[in-house]
N, C-alpha and C. Protein backbone atom coordinates (compact mmCIF):
# COMPACT_ATOMS: atom_id res chain seq x y z
N ALA A 1 39.60 212.86 129.54
CA ALA A 1 40.34 214.13 128.90
C ALA A 1 40.65 214.02 127.65
N VAL A 2 40.62 212.95 126.44
CA VAL A 2 40.83 213.22 125.54
C VAL A 2 39.81 213.24 124.27
N PHE A 3 38.55 213.43 125.06
CA PHE A 3 37.53 213.90 124.20
C PHE A 3 37.02 215.33 124.25
N ASP A 4 36.30 215.71 123.41
CA ASP A 4 35.88 216.90 123.72
C ASP A 4 34.39 217.48 124.68
N GLY A 5 33.86 216.24 124.86
CA GLY A 5 32.70 216.14 125.67
C GLY A 5 31.48 216.67 124.86
N GLU A 6 31.43 217.01 123.45
CA GLU A 6 30.31 217.12 122.77
C GLU A 6 29.48 216.46 122.55
N VAL A 7 29.90 214.80 122.51
CA VAL A 7 28.86 213.98 122.61
C VAL A 7 28.40 213.09 123.85
N GLY A 8 29.67 212.83 124.59
CA GLY A 8 29.51 211.99 125.84
C GLY A 8 29.06 210.56 125.54
N ASN A 9 29.11 209.76 126.74
CA ASN A 9 29.15 208.25 126.34
C ASN A 9 29.74 207.61 125.37
N TYR A 10 31.42 208.17 125.38
CA TYR A 10 32.31 207.45 124.38
C TYR A 10 32.85 206.30 124.67
N THR A 11 33.05 205.57 123.42
CA THR A 11 33.70 204.24 123.63
C THR A 11 35.06 204.37 123.18
N GLU A 12 35.69 203.36 122.86
CA GLU A 12 37.12 203.26 122.70
C GLU A 12 37.18 203.38 120.99
N ASN A 13 36.44 203.30 120.21
CA ASN A 13 36.10 203.24 118.76
C ASN A 13 35.64 204.98 118.61
N ASP A 14 35.41 205.75 119.43
CA ASP A 14 34.95 207.46 119.09
C ASP A 14 36.45 207.78 118.81
N MET A 15 36.85 209.03 117.76
CA MET A 15 37.68 209.80 117.92
C MET A 15 38.01 210.56 118.64
N PRO A 16 39.44 210.41 119.21
CA PRO A 16 39.58 211.74 120.36
C PRO A 16 39.64 213.06 119.88
N ASN A 17 39.49 213.92 120.50
CA ASN A 17 39.52 215.29 120.48
C ASN A 17 39.87 216.01 121.58
N PRO A 18 41.49 215.95 121.64
CA PRO A 18 41.93 216.61 122.87
C PRO A 18 41.89 218.25 123.13
N LEU A 19 41.43 219.11 123.66
CA LEU A 19 41.12 220.36 123.90
C LEU A 19 42.36 221.29 124.78
N SER A 20 43.16 220.44 125.45
CA SER A 20 44.25 221.11 126.11
C SER A 20 45.48 220.38 126.24
N VAL A 21 46.35 221.06 126.75
CA VAL A 21 47.85 220.48 126.69
C VAL A 21 47.97 219.00 127.55
N TYR A 22 47.39 219.14 128.51
CA TYR A 22 47.23 218.20 129.30
C TYR A 22 46.82 216.79 128.55
N SER A 23 45.31 217.11 127.91
CA SER A 23 44.42 215.67 127.23
C SER A 23 45.35 215.78 125.97
N LEU A 24 46.08 216.40 125.45
CA LEU A 24 47.03 216.46 124.13
C LEU A 24 47.94 215.56 124.70
N THR A 25 48.56 215.70 125.69
CA THR A 25 49.97 215.02 126.04
C THR A 25 49.37 213.62 126.47
N LYS A 26 48.37 213.35 127.18
CA LYS A 26 47.74 211.98 127.48
C LYS A 26 47.34 211.35 126.80
N LEU A 27 46.66 211.91 125.44
CA LEU A 27 46.66 211.21 124.22
C LEU A 27 47.94 210.56 123.54
N ARG A 28 48.90 211.46 123.46
CA ARG A 28 50.17 211.24 122.85
C ARG A 28 50.78 209.89 123.41
N GLY A 29 50.95 210.10 125.10
CA GLY A 29 51.21 209.10 126.00
C GLY A 29 50.84 207.64 125.36
N GLU A 30 49.33 207.77 125.48
CA GLU A 30 48.69 206.65 124.99
C GLU A 30 49.19 205.95 123.85
N ASN A 31 49.25 206.71 122.84
CA ASN A 31 49.88 206.46 121.35
C ASN A 31 51.11 205.66 121.53
N ALA A 32 51.91 206.49 122.18
CA ALA A 32 53.43 205.99 122.34
C ALA A 32 53.38 204.69 122.91
N VAL A 33 52.65 204.53 124.00
CA VAL A 33 52.75 203.06 124.61
C VAL A 33 52.42 201.99 123.50
N LEU A 34 51.07 202.33 122.98
CA LEU A 34 50.59 201.25 122.18
C LEU A 34 51.53 201.31 120.97
N ALA A 35 52.33 202.28 120.30
CA ALA A 35 53.09 202.08 119.46
C ALA A 35 54.23 201.34 119.62
N ALA A 36 54.86 201.42 121.05
CA ALA A 36 55.76 200.57 121.55
C ALA A 36 55.29 199.02 121.75
N ASN A 37 54.15 198.60 122.08
CA ASN A 37 53.66 197.42 122.37
C ASN A 37 52.40 197.22 122.04
N PRO A 38 51.55 197.05 120.88
CA PRO A 38 50.49 197.00 120.17
C PRO A 38 49.68 196.25 121.18
N GLN A 39 50.19 195.28 122.24
CA GLN A 39 49.29 194.63 122.74
C GLN A 39 48.91 195.11 124.17
N ALA A 40 49.40 196.08 124.43
CA ALA A 40 49.31 197.05 125.78
C ALA A 40 47.95 197.12 126.11
N LEU A 41 47.25 197.57 127.24
CA LEU A 41 46.19 197.85 127.68
C LEU A 41 46.21 199.02 128.33
N VAL A 42 45.11 200.23 127.73
CA VAL A 42 45.16 201.08 127.94
C VAL A 42 44.03 201.47 128.65
N LEU A 43 43.78 202.01 129.84
CA LEU A 43 42.36 202.18 130.47
C LEU A 43 42.34 203.64 130.79
N ARG A 44 41.32 204.15 130.84
CA ARG A 44 40.70 205.83 130.71
C ARG A 44 39.86 205.87 132.20
N VAL A 45 40.66 205.92 133.32
CA VAL A 45 39.64 205.73 134.53
C VAL A 45 39.83 206.81 135.09
N ASN A 46 38.84 207.57 136.03
CA ASN A 46 39.11 208.58 137.14
C ASN A 46 38.81 207.52 138.10
N PHE A 47 39.78 207.64 138.94
CA PHE A 47 39.52 206.82 140.31
C PHE A 47 39.72 207.53 141.48
N TYR A 48 39.40 206.79 142.91
CA TYR A 48 39.50 207.35 144.03
C TYR A 48 39.92 206.57 144.95
N GLY A 49 40.48 206.99 146.04
CA GLY A 49 40.74 206.10 147.53
C GLY A 49 41.08 206.92 148.48
N TRP A 50 41.68 206.20 149.48
CA TRP A 50 42.15 206.91 150.65
C TRP A 50 43.75 206.65 150.92
N SER A 51 44.47 208.09 151.21
CA SER A 51 45.85 207.70 151.33
C SER A 51 45.75 207.59 152.63
N ILE A 52 47.38 207.09 153.17
CA ILE A 52 47.62 206.51 154.44
C ILE A 52 47.36 207.80 155.37
N SER A 53 47.68 209.13 154.99
CA SER A 53 47.51 210.15 155.65
C SER A 53 46.16 210.64 156.25
N GLY A 54 45.12 210.22 155.10
CA GLY A 54 43.75 210.76 155.17
C GLY A 54 43.65 212.13 154.62
N LYS A 55 44.64 212.65 154.14
CA LYS A 55 44.63 214.16 153.50
C LYS A 55 45.20 214.61 151.80
N ARG A 56 45.37 213.58 151.46
CA ARG A 56 46.03 213.60 150.12
C ARG A 56 45.01 213.62 148.78
N SER A 57 43.90 212.71 149.00
CA SER A 57 43.18 212.53 147.75
C SER A 57 42.24 213.33 147.70
N LEU A 58 41.34 213.73 146.72
CA LEU A 58 40.52 214.57 146.42
C LEU A 58 39.06 214.23 146.91
N ALA A 59 38.75 212.77 147.06
CA ALA A 59 38.22 212.15 147.99
C ALA A 59 37.96 212.81 149.58
N GLU A 60 39.06 212.57 150.01
CA GLU A 60 39.48 213.07 151.14
C GLU A 60 39.39 214.60 151.50
N TYR A 61 39.61 215.33 150.50
CA TYR A 61 39.32 216.88 150.51
C TYR A 61 37.93 217.03 150.92
N PHE A 62 36.92 216.63 150.01
CA PHE A 62 35.84 216.86 150.22
C PHE A 62 35.15 216.12 151.47
N VAL A 63 35.54 214.82 151.69
CA VAL A 63 34.92 214.32 153.21
C VAL A 63 35.50 215.26 154.42
N ASN A 64 37.08 215.57 154.56
CA ASN A 64 37.34 216.36 155.49
C ASN A 64 36.65 217.76 155.61
N ASN A 65 36.64 218.24 154.37
CA ASN A 65 36.09 219.64 154.66
C ASN A 65 34.44 219.75 154.65
N LEU A 66 33.75 218.66 154.20
CA LEU A 66 32.56 218.84 154.32
C LEU A 66 31.92 218.39 156.28
N ALA A 67 32.90 217.61 156.65
CA ALA A 67 32.97 217.31 158.13
C ALA A 67 32.92 218.69 158.85
N GLU A 68 34.06 219.28 158.48
CA GLU A 68 34.03 220.68 158.96
C GLU A 68 33.22 221.94 158.78
N GLN A 69 32.22 221.50 158.08
CA GLN A 69 31.35 222.29 157.23
C GLN A 69 31.94 223.42 156.64
N LYS A 70 33.09 223.14 155.56
CA LYS A 70 33.46 224.24 154.94
C LYS A 70 32.83 224.61 153.67
N LEU A 71 32.90 225.56 153.26
CA LEU A 71 32.38 225.75 151.85
C LEU A 71 33.42 225.66 151.11
N LEU A 72 32.76 224.35 149.76
CA LEU A 72 33.49 223.60 148.85
C LEU A 72 33.33 224.56 147.45
N LYS A 73 34.18 224.60 146.73
CA LYS A 73 34.18 225.14 145.46
C LYS A 73 34.85 223.89 144.39
N GLY A 74 34.11 223.97 143.14
CA GLY A 74 34.28 222.85 142.13
C GLY A 74 34.05 223.34 140.85
N PHE A 75 33.86 222.33 139.92
CA PHE A 75 33.79 222.38 138.92
C PHE A 75 32.15 222.42 138.55
N ALA A 76 31.79 222.95 137.72
CA ALA A 76 29.97 222.85 137.35
C ALA A 76 29.94 222.09 136.02
N ASP A 77 30.79 222.07 134.95
CA ASP A 77 30.44 221.74 133.95
C ASP A 77 31.44 220.56 133.41
N VAL A 78 31.76 219.76 134.39
CA VAL A 78 32.56 218.33 134.18
C VAL A 78 31.84 217.18 134.91
N VAL A 79 31.68 216.25 134.45
CA VAL A 79 30.75 214.92 134.52
C VAL A 79 31.92 213.81 135.04
N PHE A 80 32.32 213.28 136.12
CA PHE A 80 32.96 212.36 136.63
C PHE A 80 32.56 211.11 137.04
N CYS A 81 33.04 209.74 136.72
CA CYS A 81 32.41 208.71 137.46
C CYS A 81 33.55 208.01 137.60
N PRO A 82 33.58 208.15 138.88
CA PRO A 82 35.04 207.54 139.59
C PRO A 82 35.00 206.21 139.92
N MET A 83 36.12 205.44 140.00
CA MET A 83 35.85 204.00 140.50
C MET A 83 37.11 204.13 141.62
N MET A 84 36.17 203.26 142.60
CA MET A 84 37.19 202.79 143.91
C MET A 84 38.55 202.15 143.13
N VAL A 85 39.31 202.79 143.89
CA VAL A 85 40.99 202.37 143.38
C VAL A 85 41.04 200.65 143.57
N LEU A 86 40.40 200.49 144.89
CA LEU A 86 40.43 198.74 145.07
C LEU A 86 39.39 197.98 143.99
N ASP A 87 38.48 198.41 143.43
CA ASP A 87 37.78 197.98 142.33
C ASP A 87 38.69 197.93 140.71
N LEU A 88 39.28 199.00 140.95
CA LEU A 88 40.37 199.51 139.76
C LEU A 88 41.21 198.47 139.61
N ALA A 89 41.77 197.91 140.77
CA ALA A 89 42.93 196.84 140.97
C ALA A 89 42.24 195.80 140.48
N ASP A 90 41.51 195.22 140.83
CA ASP A 90 40.86 193.94 140.30
C ASP A 90 40.12 194.01 138.90
N THR A 91 39.57 195.32 138.35
CA THR A 91 39.38 195.26 137.15
C THR A 91 40.55 194.83 136.21
N ILE A 92 41.57 195.83 136.62
CA ILE A 92 43.11 195.53 135.68
C ILE A 92 43.36 194.45 135.82
N LEU A 93 43.53 193.38 137.26
CA LEU A 93 43.80 191.96 137.00
C LEU A 93 43.19 191.53 135.98
N GLU A 94 41.76 191.18 136.26
CA GLU A 94 40.43 190.74 135.32
C GLU A 94 41.01 191.22 133.60
N ALA A 95 40.99 192.28 133.39
CA ALA A 95 41.35 192.71 132.09
C ALA A 95 42.77 191.99 131.65
N ASN A 96 43.38 192.14 132.18
CA ASN A 96 44.91 191.54 131.87
C ASN A 96 44.83 190.26 131.69
N GLU A 97 43.84 189.39 132.55
CA GLU A 97 44.01 187.66 132.48
C GLU A 97 43.29 187.49 130.93
N LYS A 98 42.30 188.33 130.56
CA LYS A 98 41.32 188.34 129.40
C LYS A 98 42.30 188.61 128.14
N ALA A 99 43.21 189.41 128.23
CA ALA A 99 44.00 189.97 127.04
C ALA A 99 44.83 189.10 126.67
């Protein structure tokens, strides 16, 4: 969300270029955390998982509506690389141990 999407395959060394209020506040939040604690770890992750009710997550929205053969509308100009929330939890623990 903090990059403009012009280049792709961004790394932490690329210059952010937020294009919306959401992405600007996200970047400012990251910067505020790092200013308060330079040792903090900022992870930019799209994650998915399953809720207790089975009705709250984006993944559940798609699964439930596809199961009911409903027409789904979504974005055509966005690329996501989501990570399962359990894998994310393991990755955070591993990154914290290495930091």
